[in-house]
Amino acid sequence: MYGTCAKARVKPENRDKLREVFGSQSAASMPGYVTAYTLWENDSDVVWLFAVFEDRETYDRNADDPAQNERYMEYRALMEEDPEWHDGEIDSM
């Protein structure tokens, strides 16, 4: 598997809105998509995003898709600054 994790700071007034946006964005149209998660750091506005794909090829194809950029711009507007992204191979433990 292959994917990304990102650390971001959400504007305090947008924490619930970010949850709504992620809930409304459909991953069904993303070939190779496996799952995604958010982790909210304790009592803060810091969120970690995780997206998992079958392999790097499907991940890269999604990253290059203009529809993904539209989804990104929708949730990016709710954040203080650009997320810090980390892409790589995912292994189970």
N, C-alpha and C. Protein backbone atom coordinates (compact mmCIF):
# COMPACT_ATOMS: atom_id res chain seq x y z
N MET A 1 0.84 -1.17 0.00
CA MET A 1 0.00 0.00 0.00
C MET A 1 0.89 1.24 0.00
N TYR A 2 0.26 2.36 -0.35
CA TYR A 2 0.98 3.63 -0.43
C TYR A 2 0.01 4.73 -0.01
N GLY A 3 0.54 5.80 0.55
CA GLY A 3 -0.35 6.88 0.95
C GLY A 3 0.37 8.08 1.48
N THR A 4 -0.38 8.86 2.22
CA THR A 4 0.14 10.10 2.75
C THR A 4 -0.42 10.36 4.13
N CYS A 5 0.35 11.10 4.92
CA CYS A 5 -0.18 11.67 6.15
C CYS A 5 0.19 13.14 6.13
N ALA A 6 -0.64 13.93 6.76
CA ALA A 6 -0.40 15.37 6.78
C ALA A 6 -0.76 15.92 8.15
N LYS A 7 0.02 16.87 8.59
CA LYS A 7 -0.26 17.57 9.83
C LYS A 7 -0.73 18.97 9.47
N ALA A 8 -1.85 19.38 10.07
CA ALA A 8 -2.40 20.70 9.76
C ALA A 8 -3.00 21.31 11.02
N ARG A 9 -3.13 22.61 11.00
CA ARG A 9 -3.80 23.33 12.08
C ARG A 9 -5.08 23.91 11.49
N VAL A 10 -6.19 23.53 12.11
CA VAL A 10 -7.50 23.97 11.65
C VAL A 10 -7.88 25.25 12.39
N LYS A 11 -8.47 26.18 11.66
CA LYS A 11 -8.98 27.37 12.32
C LYS A 11 -9.99 26.91 13.40
N PRO A 12 -9.88 27.43 14.62
CA PRO A 12 -10.72 26.94 15.72
C PRO A 12 -12.21 26.88 15.39
N GLU A 13 -12.70 27.87 14.68
CA GLU A 13 -14.13 27.90 14.36
C GLU A 13 -14.52 26.89 13.27
N ASN A 14 -13.53 26.22 12.66
CA ASN A 14 -13.81 25.33 11.53
C ASN A 14 -13.63 23.84 11.83
N ARG A 15 -13.40 23.49 13.06
CA ARG A 15 -13.15 22.08 13.39
C ARG A 15 -14.33 21.18 12.97
N ASP A 16 -15.55 21.55 13.35
CA ASP A 16 -16.72 20.76 12.98
C ASP A 16 -16.98 20.83 11.48
N LYS A 17 -16.73 21.98 10.89
CA LYS A 17 -16.94 22.13 9.44
C LYS A 17 -16.00 21.20 8.67
N LEU A 18 -14.76 21.04 9.13
CA LEU A 18 -13.83 20.14 8.47
C LEU A 18 -14.37 18.71 8.49
N ARG A 19 -14.90 18.30 9.61
CA ARG A 19 -15.52 16.96 9.71
C ARG A 19 -16.65 16.83 8.69
N GLU A 20 -17.47 17.87 8.55
CA GLU A 20 -18.58 17.85 7.59
C GLU A 20 -18.07 17.72 6.16
N VAL A 21 -17.03 18.48 5.84
CA VAL A 21 -16.48 18.44 4.48
C VAL A 21 -15.94 17.05 4.17
N PHE A 22 -15.17 16.47 5.07
CA PHE A 22 -14.65 15.12 4.84
C PHE A 22 -15.78 14.12 4.71
N GLY A 23 -16.84 14.29 5.50
CA GLY A 23 -17.98 13.38 5.42
C GLY A 23 -18.75 13.49 4.12
N SER A 24 -18.71 14.66 3.52
CA SER A 24 -19.46 14.87 2.27
C SER A 24 -18.66 14.53 1.02
N GLN A 25 -17.35 14.45 1.13
CA GLN A 25 -16.52 14.15 -0.04
C GLN A 25 -16.51 12.63 -0.27
N SER A 26 -16.91 12.24 -1.47
CA SER A 26 -17.00 10.82 -1.79
C SER A 26 -15.68 10.29 -2.31
N ALA A 27 -15.20 9.20 -1.72
CA ALA A 27 -13.97 8.55 -2.18
C ALA A 27 -14.28 7.44 -3.18
N ALA A 28 -15.56 7.18 -3.42
CA ALA A 28 -15.95 6.07 -4.30
C ALA A 28 -15.40 6.23 -5.71
N SER A 29 -15.19 7.46 -6.14
CA SER A 29 -14.72 7.69 -7.51
C SER A 29 -13.20 7.67 -7.62
N MET A 30 -12.50 7.36 -6.55
CA MET A 30 -11.03 7.36 -6.58
C MET A 30 -10.53 5.92 -6.74
N PRO A 31 -10.12 5.55 -7.95
CA PRO A 31 -9.59 4.20 -8.14
C PRO A 31 -8.37 3.94 -7.25
N GLY A 32 -8.35 2.79 -6.61
CA GLY A 32 -7.24 2.42 -5.76
C GLY A 32 -7.32 2.91 -4.34
N TYR A 33 -8.32 3.72 -4.03
CA TYR A 33 -8.50 4.25 -2.67
C TYR A 33 -8.84 3.11 -1.73
N VAL A 34 -8.20 3.08 -0.56
CA VAL A 34 -8.47 2.05 0.45
C VAL A 34 -9.24 2.65 1.62
N THR A 35 -8.67 3.66 2.28
CA THR A 35 -9.33 4.27 3.43
C THR A 35 -8.66 5.59 3.78
N ALA A 36 -9.28 6.33 4.69
CA ALA A 36 -8.70 7.58 5.21
C ALA A 36 -9.13 7.75 6.66
N TYR A 37 -8.30 8.46 7.40
CA TYR A 37 -8.57 8.72 8.82
C TYR A 37 -8.15 10.14 9.15
N THR A 38 -8.71 10.66 10.23
CA THR A 38 -8.21 11.88 10.84
C THR A 38 -7.87 11.56 12.29
N LEU A 39 -6.85 12.20 12.80
CA LEU A 39 -6.48 12.10 14.20
C LEU A 39 -6.39 13.52 14.72
N TRP A 40 -7.17 13.82 15.73
CA TRP A 40 -7.14 15.14 16.35
C TRP A 40 -6.25 15.07 17.58
N GLU A 41 -5.20 15.89 17.61
CA GLU A 41 -4.34 15.92 18.79
C GLU A 41 -5.15 16.41 19.97
N ASN A 42 -4.88 15.85 21.14
CA ASN A 42 -5.64 16.14 22.35
C ASN A 42 -5.85 17.62 22.58
N ASP A 43 -7.12 17.99 22.69
CA ASP A 43 -7.51 19.35 23.08
C ASP A 43 -6.81 20.44 22.28
N SER A 44 -6.67 20.22 20.98
CA SER A 44 -6.03 21.23 20.14
C SER A 44 -6.74 21.29 18.79
N ASP A 45 -6.29 22.20 17.97
CA ASP A 45 -6.81 22.34 16.61
C ASP A 45 -5.87 21.71 15.60
N VAL A 46 -4.97 20.86 16.07
CA VAL A 46 -4.05 20.15 15.18
C VAL A 46 -4.70 18.84 14.75
N VAL A 47 -4.72 18.62 13.45
CA VAL A 47 -5.29 17.39 12.90
C VAL A 47 -4.25 16.72 12.01
N TRP A 48 -4.22 15.41 12.07
CA TRP A 48 -3.40 14.59 11.18
C TRP A 48 -4.35 13.90 10.22
N LEU A 49 -4.04 13.96 8.94
CA LEU A 49 -4.85 13.32 7.90
C LEU A 49 -4.08 12.12 7.36
N PHE A 50 -4.78 11.03 7.14
CA PHE A 50 -4.17 9.82 6.59
C PHE A 50 -5.01 9.36 5.41
N ALA A 51 -4.38 9.10 4.28
CA ALA A 51 -5.06 8.55 3.11
C ALA A 51 -4.25 7.37 2.59
N VAL A 52 -4.94 6.25 2.35
CA VAL A 52 -4.29 5.01 1.96
C VAL A 52 -4.82 4.56 0.61
N PHE A 53 -3.89 4.19 -0.27
CA PHE A 53 -4.22 3.69 -1.60
C PHE A 53 -3.58 2.32 -1.81
N GLU A 54 -4.07 1.60 -2.80
CA GLU A 54 -3.57 0.26 -3.08
C GLU A 54 -2.07 0.26 -3.38
N ASP A 55 -1.62 1.28 -4.11
CA ASP A 55 -0.22 1.34 -4.52
C ASP A 55 0.13 2.77 -4.93
N ARG A 56 1.39 2.99 -5.20
CA ARG A 56 1.85 4.34 -5.55
C ARG A 56 1.25 4.83 -6.86
N GLU A 57 1.06 3.94 -7.80
CA GLU A 57 0.50 4.33 -9.10
C GLU A 57 -0.89 4.93 -8.93
N THR A 58 -1.76 4.27 -8.16
CA THR A 58 -3.11 4.81 -7.98
C THR A 58 -3.08 6.08 -7.12
N TYR A 59 -2.17 6.14 -6.16
CA TYR A 59 -2.02 7.34 -5.35
C TYR A 59 -1.60 8.53 -6.23
N ASP A 60 -0.57 8.32 -7.06
CA ASP A 60 -0.10 9.40 -7.93
C ASP A 60 -1.17 9.84 -8.93
N ARG A 61 -1.91 8.88 -9.45
CA ARG A 61 -2.97 9.21 -10.40
C ARG A 61 -4.02 10.09 -9.71
N ASN A 62 -4.38 9.75 -8.48
CA ASN A 62 -5.34 10.56 -7.74
C ASN A 62 -4.76 11.95 -7.46
N ALA A 63 -3.51 12.01 -7.06
CA ALA A 63 -2.88 13.30 -6.74
C ALA A 63 -2.87 14.23 -7.96
N ASP A 64 -2.79 13.66 -9.15
CA ASP A 64 -2.76 14.46 -10.38
C ASP A 64 -4.15 14.77 -10.93
N ASP A 65 -5.19 14.25 -10.32
CA ASP A 65 -6.55 14.44 -10.80
C ASP A 65 -7.07 15.82 -10.39
N PRO A 66 -7.57 16.62 -11.35
CA PRO A 66 -8.11 17.94 -11.00
C PRO A 66 -9.25 17.87 -9.97
N ALA A 67 -10.01 16.78 -9.96
CA ALA A 67 -11.08 16.63 -8.97
C ALA A 67 -10.51 16.55 -7.56
N GLN A 68 -9.34 15.94 -7.41
CA GLN A 68 -8.70 15.88 -6.09
C GLN A 68 -8.26 17.27 -5.66
N ASN A 69 -7.77 18.07 -6.60
CA ASN A 69 -7.39 19.44 -6.25
C ASN A 69 -8.61 20.22 -5.77
N GLU A 70 -9.77 20.01 -6.39
CA GLU A 70 -10.99 20.69 -5.95
C GLU A 70 -11.36 20.27 -4.52
N ARG A 71 -11.25 18.96 -4.23
CA ARG A 71 -11.53 18.49 -2.87
C ARG A 71 -10.55 19.12 -1.89
N TYR A 72 -9.28 19.16 -2.27
CA TYR A 72 -8.25 19.74 -1.41
C TYR A 72 -8.55 21.22 -1.12
N MET A 73 -8.89 21.97 -2.14
CA MET A 73 -9.14 23.41 -1.96
C MET A 73 -10.33 23.65 -1.02
N GLU A 74 -11.30 22.74 -1.05
CA GLU A 74 -12.46 22.89 -0.17
C GLU A 74 -12.05 22.76 1.29
N TYR A 75 -11.24 21.75 1.62
CA TYR A 75 -10.86 21.62 3.03
C TYR A 75 -9.67 22.49 3.41
N ARG A 76 -8.83 22.86 2.46
CA ARG A 76 -7.70 23.74 2.76
C ARG A 76 -8.17 25.09 3.26
N ALA A 77 -9.31 25.56 2.76
CA ALA A 77 -9.85 26.86 3.16
C ALA A 77 -10.18 26.91 4.66
N LEU A 78 -10.30 25.76 5.29
CA LEU A 78 -10.65 25.69 6.71
C LEU A 78 -9.43 25.66 7.61
N MET A 79 -8.24 25.66 7.03
CA MET A 79 -7.00 25.50 7.79
C MET A 79 -6.25 26.82 7.92
N GLU A 80 -5.40 26.89 8.93
CA GLU A 80 -4.58 28.08 9.17
C GLU A 80 -3.51 28.27 8.10
N GLU A 81 -2.94 27.15 7.63
CA GLU A 81 -1.85 27.20 6.65
C GLU A 81 -1.83 25.88 5.91
N ASP A 82 -0.96 25.78 4.90
CA ASP A 82 -0.87 24.53 4.14
C ASP A 82 -0.45 23.39 5.05
N PRO A 83 -1.05 22.21 4.85
CA PRO A 83 -0.62 21.04 5.63
C PRO A 83 0.82 20.66 5.31
N GLU A 84 1.44 19.98 6.25
CA GLU A 84 2.79 19.42 6.06
C GLU A 84 2.59 17.96 5.65
N TRP A 85 2.91 17.63 4.38
CA TRP A 85 2.62 16.31 3.81
C TRP A 85 3.82 15.37 3.89
N HIS A 86 3.52 14.09 4.11
CA HIS A 86 4.53 13.04 4.13
C HIS A 86 3.98 11.82 3.38
N ASP A 87 4.52 11.55 2.20
CA ASP A 87 4.06 10.42 1.38
C ASP A 87 5.00 9.25 1.55
N GLY A 88 4.45 8.03 1.39
CA GLY A 88 5.33 6.88 1.46
C GLY A 88 4.60 5.55 1.44
N GLU A 89 5.41 4.51 1.47
CA GLU A 89 4.92 3.14 1.47
C GLU A 89 4.36 2.80 2.86
N ILE A 90 3.25 2.08 2.87
CA ILE A 90 2.59 1.74 4.12
C ILE A 90 2.68 0.22 4.33
N ASP A 91 3.18 -0.18 5.48
CA ASP A 91 3.24 -1.59 5.87
C ASP A 91 2.38 -1.79 7.10
N SER A 92 1.80 -2.96 7.24
CA SER A 92 1.09 -3.26 8.48
C SER A 92 2.09 -3.77 9.50
N MET A 93 1.75 -3.65 10.77
CA MET A 93 2.67 -4.07 11.83
C MET A 93 2.23 -5.40 12.41
